[in-house]
Structure formats: structure tokens, C-alpha cells
Protein backbone atom coordinates (compact mmCIF):
# COMPACT_ATOMS: atom_id res chain seq x y z
CA MET A 1 -0.31 -0.15 0.11
CA LYS A 2 1.67 3.25 -1.15
CA PRO A 3 0.61 6.82 -0.57
CA HIS A 4 -1.43 8.62 -3.62
CA ARG A 5 0.64 9.86 -6.21
CA ALA A 6 -1.12 11.68 -9.59
CA THR A 7 0.55 10.92 -12.62
CA THR A 8 0.18 10.80 -16.22
CA THR A 9 0.60 7.91 -18.62
CA THR A 10 1.12 7.91 -22.19
CA GLY A 11 3.01 5.01 -22.56
CA ILE A 12 2.12 1.79 -24.26
CA ALA A 13 2.88 -0.12 -20.80
CA ALA A 14 -0.21 1.64 -19.60
CA ILE A 15 -2.32 1.05 -22.79
CA GLY A 16 -5.08 -0.45 -21.46
CA LEU A 17 -5.60 2.22 -18.40
CA ALA A 18 -5.09 5.43 -20.91
CA ALA A 19 -8.81 5.74 -21.59
CA ALA A 20 -10.04 4.79 -17.88
CA LEU A 21 -7.70 7.49 -16.48
CA LEU A 22 -8.99 10.37 -18.74
CA LEU A 23 -5.46 11.90 -19.02
CA SER A 24 -4.95 12.60 -22.64
CA GLY A 25 -6.92 14.40 -24.93
CA CYS A 26 -8.72 15.40 -28.73
CA GLY A 27 -10.58 14.95 -32.05
CA ALA A 28 -13.83 14.09 -33.52
CA ALA A 29 -17.35 14.64 -34.45
CA THR A 30 -19.62 16.01 -31.60
CA ASP A 31 -22.98 14.25 -32.74
CA GLY A 32 -25.16 17.15 -32.90
CA ARG A 33 -24.45 18.20 -29.67
CA PRO A 34 -23.49 21.90 -29.32
CA SER A 35 -19.57 22.37 -28.26
CA GLY A 36 -18.26 25.01 -25.43
CA ARG A 37 -20.17 25.04 -22.26
CA HIS A 38 -22.92 23.18 -21.33
CA PRO A 39 -25.38 25.84 -19.00
CA ALA A 40 -28.36 23.45 -19.24
CA ALA A 41 -26.65 20.46 -17.73
CA SER A 42 -27.02 19.85 -14.24
CA SER A 43 -23.80 20.88 -12.42
CA ARG A 44 -24.63 18.12 -9.78
CA GLU A 45 -21.51 15.74 -9.08
CA PRO A 46 -22.10 12.39 -11.06
CA SER A 47 -22.75 9.06 -9.16
CA PRO A 48 -19.55 6.37 -9.18
CA ALA A 49 -21.67 4.54 -11.52
CA GLU A 50 -22.22 7.29 -14.09
CA SER A 51 -18.48 8.25 -13.92
CA ARG A 52 -18.10 4.35 -14.98
CA THR A 53 -20.55 4.47 -18.00
CA LEU A 54 -18.50 7.72 -19.17
CA ALA A 55 -15.16 5.86 -18.66
CA ARG A 56 -16.80 2.71 -20.59
CA ALA A 57 -18.29 4.91 -23.52
CA GLU A 58 -15.04 6.61 -23.80
CA GLN A 59 -13.31 3.05 -24.33
CA ILE A 60 -15.91 1.93 -26.87
CA LEU A 61 -15.39 5.21 -28.79
CA ILE A 62 -11.61 4.92 -28.65
CA SER A 63 -11.78 1.24 -29.70
CA ARG A 64 -13.80 1.99 -32.87
CA CYS A 65 -11.58 4.83 -33.70
CA MET A 66 -8.62 2.50 -33.46
CA ASP A 67 -10.49 -0.08 -35.40
CA ALA A 68 -11.17 2.11 -38.23
CA ARG A 69 -7.48 3.09 -38.23
CA GLY A 70 -6.43 -0.39 -38.36
CA PHE A 71 -5.47 -1.38 -34.99
CA ARG A 72 -7.49 -3.77 -32.06
CA TYR A 73 -8.12 -1.64 -28.92
CA VAL A 74 -10.10 -4.07 -26.30
CA VAL A 75 -13.12 -2.52 -24.21
CA THR A 76 -12.38 -3.65 -20.59
CA ASP A 77 -13.96 -3.67 -17.44
CA VAL A 78 -10.48 -3.85 -15.65
CA VAL A 79 -9.70 -0.26 -14.96
CA GLY A 80 -7.81 -0.53 -11.97
CA ALA A 81 -7.92 -2.19 -8.58
CA SER A 82 -10.85 -2.50 -6.32
CA GLY A 83 -11.98 -4.17 -3.04
CA ASP A 84 -11.07 -3.25 0.84
CA GLY A 85 -7.55 -4.12 -0.30
CA ALA A 86 -7.33 -0.83 -2.50
CA ARG A 87 -7.67 1.73 0.51
CA SER A 88 -5.43 4.54 0.34
CA PHE A 89 -3.54 5.88 3.28
CA PRO A 90 -1.65 9.30 2.32
CA TYR A 91 -0.56 9.96 5.89
CA ALA A 92 -0.52 6.92 7.78
CA VAL A 93 -2.14 3.22 7.86
CA ASP A 94 -4.45 4.00 10.37
CA ASP A 95 -6.94 1.12 10.86
CA VAL A 96 -5.74 -1.91 12.87
CA ALA A 97 -8.07 -4.72 11.26
CA TRP A 98 -7.05 -3.55 7.60
CA ALA A 99 -3.41 -3.14 8.52
CA ARG A 100 -3.61 -6.94 10.28
CA ALA A 101 -5.34 -8.38 6.55
CA HIS A 102 -3.44 -6.25 4.16
CA GLY A 103 -0.15 -5.30 5.64
CA TYR A 104 0.89 -2.11 3.23
CA GLY A 105 -1.33 -3.79 0.51
CA GLY A 106 1.79 -5.79 -0.88
CA ARG A 107 -0.20 -8.96 -2.24
CA GLU A 108 -2.85 -6.70 -3.62
CA GLU A 109 -0.02 -4.70 -5.60
CA ARG A 110 1.22 -8.07 -6.74
CA SER A 111 -2.17 -9.03 -7.63
CA ARG A 112 -2.80 -5.47 -9.68
CA ALA A 113 0.46 -5.87 -11.27
CA ARG A 114 -0.44 -9.61 -12.92
CA THR A 115 -3.69 -8.13 -13.99
CA LEU A 116 -2.03 -5.10 -15.93
CA GLU A 117 0.25 -8.06 -17.36
CA ALA A 118 -2.72 -9.96 -18.69
CA ASP A 119 -4.42 -6.75 -20.31
CA PRO A 120 -5.38 -7.52 -23.69
CA ASN A 121 -4.06 -4.32 -24.73
CA GLN A 122 -0.94 -4.64 -23.24
CA ARG A 123 -0.22 -8.10 -24.66
CA TYR A 124 -1.39 -6.97 -28.26
CA PHE A 125 0.59 -3.81 -28.43
CA HIS A 126 4.25 -5.56 -27.32
CA GLY A 127 3.16 -8.17 -29.76
CA LEU A 128 3.44 -5.70 -32.54
CA SER A 129 6.51 -4.99 -34.07
CA PRO A 130 8.47 -1.65 -33.31
CA SER A 131 7.43 0.49 -36.16
CA ALA A 132 3.45 -1.13 -35.84
CA ARG A 133 3.75 -0.32 -32.20
CA VAL A 134 4.60 3.70 -32.94
CA ALA A 135 2.00 3.53 -35.12
CA ALA A 136 -0.36 1.99 -32.94
CA ARG A 137 0.51 4.54 -30.28
CA THR A 138 0.63 7.66 -32.62
CA ALA A 139 -3.24 6.49 -33.70
CA LEU A 140 -3.90 6.26 -29.67
CA THR A 141 -2.29 9.43 -28.44
CA GLY A 142 -1.34 11.31 -31.00
CA ALA A 143 2.25 11.84 -32.46
CA SER A 144 3.09 14.12 -29.60
CA PRO A 145 2.08 15.83 -26.62
CA VAL A 146 0.83 19.13 -27.97
CA GLY A 147 -2.56 20.78 -28.84
CA LEU A 148 -3.48 20.90 -25.19
CA SER A 149 -1.30 22.66 -22.14
CA VAL A 150 -3.01 23.48 -18.63
CA LYS A 151 -1.32 24.27 -15.42
CA ALA A 152 -2.48 22.49 -12.52
CA PRO A 153 -3.00 23.17 -9.34
CA THR A 154 0.23 21.66 -8.31
CA GLY A 155 2.14 24.03 -10.63
CA VAL A 156 3.05 21.57 -12.95
CA THR A 157 2.09 22.16 -16.50
CA ILE A 158 0.14 19.22 -18.28
CA THR A 159 0.05 18.56 -21.98
CA ALA A 160 -1.60 16.19 -24.30
CA SER A 161 -1.99 15.99 -28.01
CA ASP A 162 -5.38 17.28 -29.61
CA GLU A 163 -4.88 13.96 -32.20
CA GLY A 164 -5.60 10.55 -31.69
CA CYS A 165 -8.28 8.13 -30.63
CA ILE A 166 -8.57 9.37 -27.14
CA ALA A 167 -8.88 13.01 -28.33
CA ASP A 168 -11.52 11.53 -30.83
CA ALA A 169 -13.44 9.72 -27.95
CA GLU A 170 -13.15 12.97 -25.60
CA ARG A 171 -14.02 15.52 -28.67
CA THR A 172 -17.30 13.45 -29.08
CA LEU A 173 -18.20 12.94 -25.62
CA TYR A 174 -17.45 16.45 -24.26
CA GLY A 175 -17.54 18.94 -27.75
CA ASP A 176 -15.12 21.04 -26.25
CA LEU A 177 -12.14 19.37 -25.96
CA GLU A 178 -10.18 22.27 -24.69
CA GLY A 179 -12.35 23.34 -21.84
CA TRP A 180 -12.78 19.73 -20.77
CA PHE A 181 -9.23 18.72 -20.88
CA ARG A 182 -8.76 22.51 -18.64
CA VAL A 183 -11.28 21.40 -16.19
CA LYS A 184 -10.52 17.74 -15.84
CA VAL A 185 -6.49 18.60 -15.01
CA VAL A 186 -7.39 21.05 -12.49
CA THR A 187 -9.92 18.88 -10.62
CA MET A 188 -7.88 15.42 -10.94
CA ASN A 189 -4.88 17.30 -9.31
CA LEU A 190 -6.69 18.70 -6.16
CA ARG A 191 -6.02 15.98 -4.31
CA PRO A 192 -2.18 16.12 -4.35
CA VAL A 193 -2.51 19.80 -3.46
CA ARG A 194 -4.54 18.65 -0.38
CA GLU A 195 -2.43 16.43 0.78
CA THR A 196 0.99 18.34 0.49
CA ARG A 197 -0.96 21.10 2.48
CA VAL A 198 -1.64 18.71 5.21
CA ARG A 199 1.82 17.55 5.23
CA ARG A 200 3.08 21.19 5.54
CA ASP A 201 0.94 22.03 8.61
CA ARG A 202 2.67 22.54 11.75
CA ARG A 203 -0.47 20.27 13.59
CA TYR A 204 0.06 17.68 11.24
CA ALA A 205 3.92 17.66 12.11
CA ASP A 206 3.42 17.79 15.83
CA ALA A 207 1.41 14.66 15.43
CA VAL A 208 4.05 12.98 13.58
CA ASP A 209 6.58 13.73 16.08
CA ARG A 210 3.79 12.12 18.96
CA TRP A 211 3.63 8.97 16.32
CA ALA A 212 7.33 8.84 16.32
CA ALA A 213 7.59 8.29 19.91
CA CYS A 214 5.07 5.62 20.11
CA MET A 215 7.12 3.39 17.13
CA ARG A 216 10.24 4.27 19.25
CA LYS A 217 8.65 2.38 22.24
CA ALA A 218 7.20 -0.54 20.24
CA GLY A 219 11.07 -0.99 19.06
CA ARG A 220 10.26 0.75 15.29
CA PRO A 221 12.60 3.67 15.41
CA TYR A 222 10.98 5.77 12.54
CA THR A 223 10.41 9.14 12.20
CA SER A 224 7.64 9.44 9.82
CA PRO A 225 5.11 6.93 8.30
CA ASP A 226 7.11 7.26 4.77
CA GLU A 227 10.29 5.82 6.55
CA SER A 228 8.07 2.83 7.89
CA ARG A 229 6.80 2.16 4.45
CA GLN A 230 10.17 2.50 3.21
CA ALA A 231 11.00 -0.25 5.57
CA ALA A 232 8.53 -2.54 4.35
CA ALA A 233 9.59 -1.99 0.83
CA ARG A 234 12.76 -3.34 1.71
CA PHE A 235 11.53 -6.55 3.10
CA GLY A 236 10.53 -7.15 -0.37
CA GLU A 237 13.74 -6.55 -1.43
CA SER A 238 15.62 -9.51 0.73
CA LEU A 239 13.04 -11.57 1.66
CA PRO A 240 10.72 -13.97 -0.33
CA ALA A 241 7.43 -12.87 -0.79
CA PRO A 242 5.47 -14.72 2.23
CA GLU A 243 8.08 -13.24 4.20
CA ALA A 244 7.96 -9.69 2.97
CA ASP A 245 4.41 -10.08 3.49
CA ALA A 246 4.37 -11.39 7.04
CA ALA A 247 7.34 -8.84 8.18
CA GLY A 248 5.50 -5.98 6.17
CA THR A 249 2.28 -6.65 8.12
CA ALA A 250 3.39 -6.53 11.64
CA LEU A 251 5.05 -3.19 10.90
CA ALA A 252 1.90 -1.65 9.26
CA VAL A 253 0.13 -3.01 12.38
CA VAL A 254 2.51 -1.30 14.90
CA GLU A 255 2.06 1.95 12.57
CA ALA A 256 -1.53 1.90 12.74
CA THR A 257 -1.63 1.09 16.56
CA CYS A 258 0.47 4.38 17.08
CA ALA A 259 -1.73 6.32 14.52
CA THR A 260 -4.65 5.68 16.53
CA SER A 261 -3.42 5.68 20.07
CA THR A 262 -1.75 9.19 19.16
CA PRO A 263 -3.52 12.43 17.67
CA LEU A 264 -2.09 11.14 14.15
CA ALA A 265 -5.34 9.58 12.64
CA ARG A 266 -7.55 12.24 14.17
CA VAL A 267 -5.37 15.06 13.00
CA SER A 268 -4.71 13.61 9.50
CA HIS A 269 -8.40 12.98 8.86
CA ALA A 270 -9.41 16.56 10.52
CA LEU A 271 -6.85 18.41 7.88
CA ASP A 272 -7.28 16.42 5.21
CA HIS A 273 -11.19 17.43 5.26
CA SER A 274 -10.96 20.91 6.31
CA TYR A 275 -7.96 21.51 3.48
CA GLY A 276 -10.15 19.40 1.07
CA GLU A 277 -13.08 21.94 1.97
CA ARG A 278 -10.82 24.69 1.15
CA LEU A 279 -9.64 23.72 -2.22
CA ARG A 280 -13.34 22.43 -3.37
CA GLU A 281 -14.74 25.95 -2.45
CA GLN A 282 -11.49 27.79 -4.53
CA TYR A 283 -12.24 25.58 -7.50
CA ARG A 284 -15.81 25.57 -6.98
CA GLU A 285 -15.79 27.20 -10.53
CA GLU A 286 -14.13 24.49 -12.08
CA LEU A 287 -15.43 21.38 -10.76
CA ALA A 288 -19.42 22.49 -11.32
CA GLU A 289 -18.15 23.25 -14.94
CA ARG A 290 -16.89 19.33 -14.67
CA TRP A 291 -20.00 18.19 -13.92
CA ARG A 292 -21.90 19.97 -16.54
CA PHE A 293 -19.39 18.43 -19.12
CA GLN A 294 -19.95 15.32 -17.47
CA ASN A 295 -23.86 15.02 -17.37
CA ALA A 296 -24.12 16.44 -20.81
CA ALA A 297 -22.25 13.68 -22.05
CA LEU A 298 -24.34 11.08 -20.04
CA PRO A 299 -27.13 10.67 -22.75
CA MET A 300 -24.55 9.69 -25.14
CA ALA A 301 -22.48 7.47 -22.87
CA ARG A 302 -25.74 5.49 -22.08
CA ARG A 303 -26.54 5.06 -25.54
CA LEU A 304 -22.83 3.85 -26.19
CA VAL A 305 -23.08 1.56 -23.19
CA PRO A 306 -26.21 -0.47 -22.76
CA PRO A 307 -27.19 -2.58 -20.03
CA SER A 308 -25.71 -5.51 -19.51
CA PRO A 309 -26.61 -7.79 -16.76
CA SER A 310 -24.67 -10.63 -17.62
CA ALA A 311 -21.35 -8.77 -17.18
CA SER A 312 -19.11 -9.22 -14.36
CA PRO A 313 -16.71 -7.57 -12.77
CA GLY A 314 -13.17 -8.07 -14.32
CA LYS A 315 -14.56 -9.14 -17.63
CA THR A 316 -13.03 -8.60 -21.01
CA GLU A 317 -15.08 -7.98 -23.92
CA PRO A 318 -15.15 -7.13 -27.24
CA SER A 319 -15.36 -3.46 -28.11
CA GLY A 320 -18.15 -1.25 -29.45
CA GLY A 321 -15.92 -1.57 -32.89
CA SER A 322 -16.07 -3.84 -35.83
CA HIS A 323 -13.22 -6.14 -34.80
CA ALA A 324 -13.83 -9.20 -32.74
């Protein structure tokens, strides 16, 4: 289990996740919907189910586009980890029962890695010749990350191509690609800003000091949760997986016990909530605009993604394109 880090992925190695993560952009018809802002659309935050429908619709559009360009792209429901083992603890593991069951999530990380290795799109792209792989990547993400550029709240400027099948899919769903890319980048990068602000807060630092004193008394002389996680990672470098998991679990339980028996868990949760609310207020216009884009796109997404009672989580199936 590792703290969350916001990243952008454009390489072939993560090809099966590119559409689901929605980190690239642009280029197709609008299916009759007006482009630009959607004043008539609701600014209500989409539900998780609606967000999954939008992500799947985008994958279907990507697949059709790739098929038209002579490449295979399979729509898959496997877009990341799920379940209790996928929980994120950005400041410290603070659930003792979870720590006993999962440690730092090493088993889940290995399972996710195996899932990625088995992704049909990765297998397909890796099976192409070098020249065909370049052509396929260009078809998917564009020749180079130019055309779209937004400075994220983290201060990092994020760029993407306004060409390629991911771009086609986003333009088809959302109409105004540049507007969608802007609010998407801004809102997707609020979490790392929130976590940075929590970590810089004096109250959090004082709570970490109390946590470290508890850890020392337990024979684990780590000055921060980051240090204890680094120690757990080293177990995997020197021990077989079962022994590394056992050692990591024991350390995670101590970390969680100290987090809950000192102010660290309470303080980190309170600060996370407080800074999160401030950021939501600071970027309320961007959040509302993103939700308007998404709600305006939902009718098309629902036409593309009909109800499928027989579908099961993790099932891979052919896309909406003509290829099987």
C-alpha cells in the first residue's frame, strides 16, 4: 500500500488504462451536440456508476476509432484495483484491522501487476513490431503531446495531444475538448495539493512527532510513516514474498496502532477534510464545469453503454468496433 501519487501516463505499457484514467485529449465529430459550455446541464456531481458509464463509453469510442485506423483495442472492465484491499492511506495506515488483513497492500499490488500484465491491449501492443507499435501509439495518443496545455494546481503544466483516438473519444463525448481538458486537469490534481498542504501543516508535524515516539517505544524507530513504509518495501528486496508480507504486516499493525493511539489519525483526517473543503470552494467553478460536461455527456454515454446484466466485474469483452 503506497500513498497516492497523481501521474499522467501516455506510454504503451499502460495502454489498457489510458482511457479509463482520462489523461489525454481530442479530435472527432460532436454527434449533433453543441460544443463549449453546457449551461443547461446539471452541475450535480455524477455518481460513481455514472462515472463508470462515461469511462466505458470513452473506451468504446476509442476502440471504434482504433479499429477504423487498422488497430485492435479491446474494451475491458478492468480499469484498476477494487475492493477493500485498494484503500489509500496517504498520511499513515490508521486502521488496525485493515493492517492485520493487508499489511501495506503488497499482495494486492502484486495482483494488480498481474492484472496489468494480462491486459489484452498490453499483450496486443507488445506483440506488434517496433514500427507498428509506434504507429499504434500515434493512432491512440497522437504523434506528440502538443495541442492541449494546462497548468495544474500543483504548478506543473500538463500537456496532451489534440489528435489521436483518445482525443477523438473525448471530443465526441464532451464537445469542447480544450474546455474539458482544462477542467479535467485542474480537478484531477486537487488531491495532491490537499495532501501537500496537510503535510506542511504544523499540527500534522506535531502529530507525527507523537506517532514517532510511540513507534520508538514499540521498537520501531521511524520518524515518519514514510520511513516505515520504506522499511517495509526493503523487506520485499531481501525476503521471499511470504516472509516479506508477514514482516510488512507486523510493521503496518504497529504503524496503525500508533496512529490511532496518538493524535495522528484524528489530526490527519481533520486536516484532510478541512483542506479538501477549502480546495473545493477555491475551485468550485472548475468542479461545477466538469460536472456539467459529464452530465451533458451522459445521454450519449448511455446510448453507447447499454445495460448488461450478464457482465461481471473484471470481464473483458469485444469493443464497440467492428473487430472481435
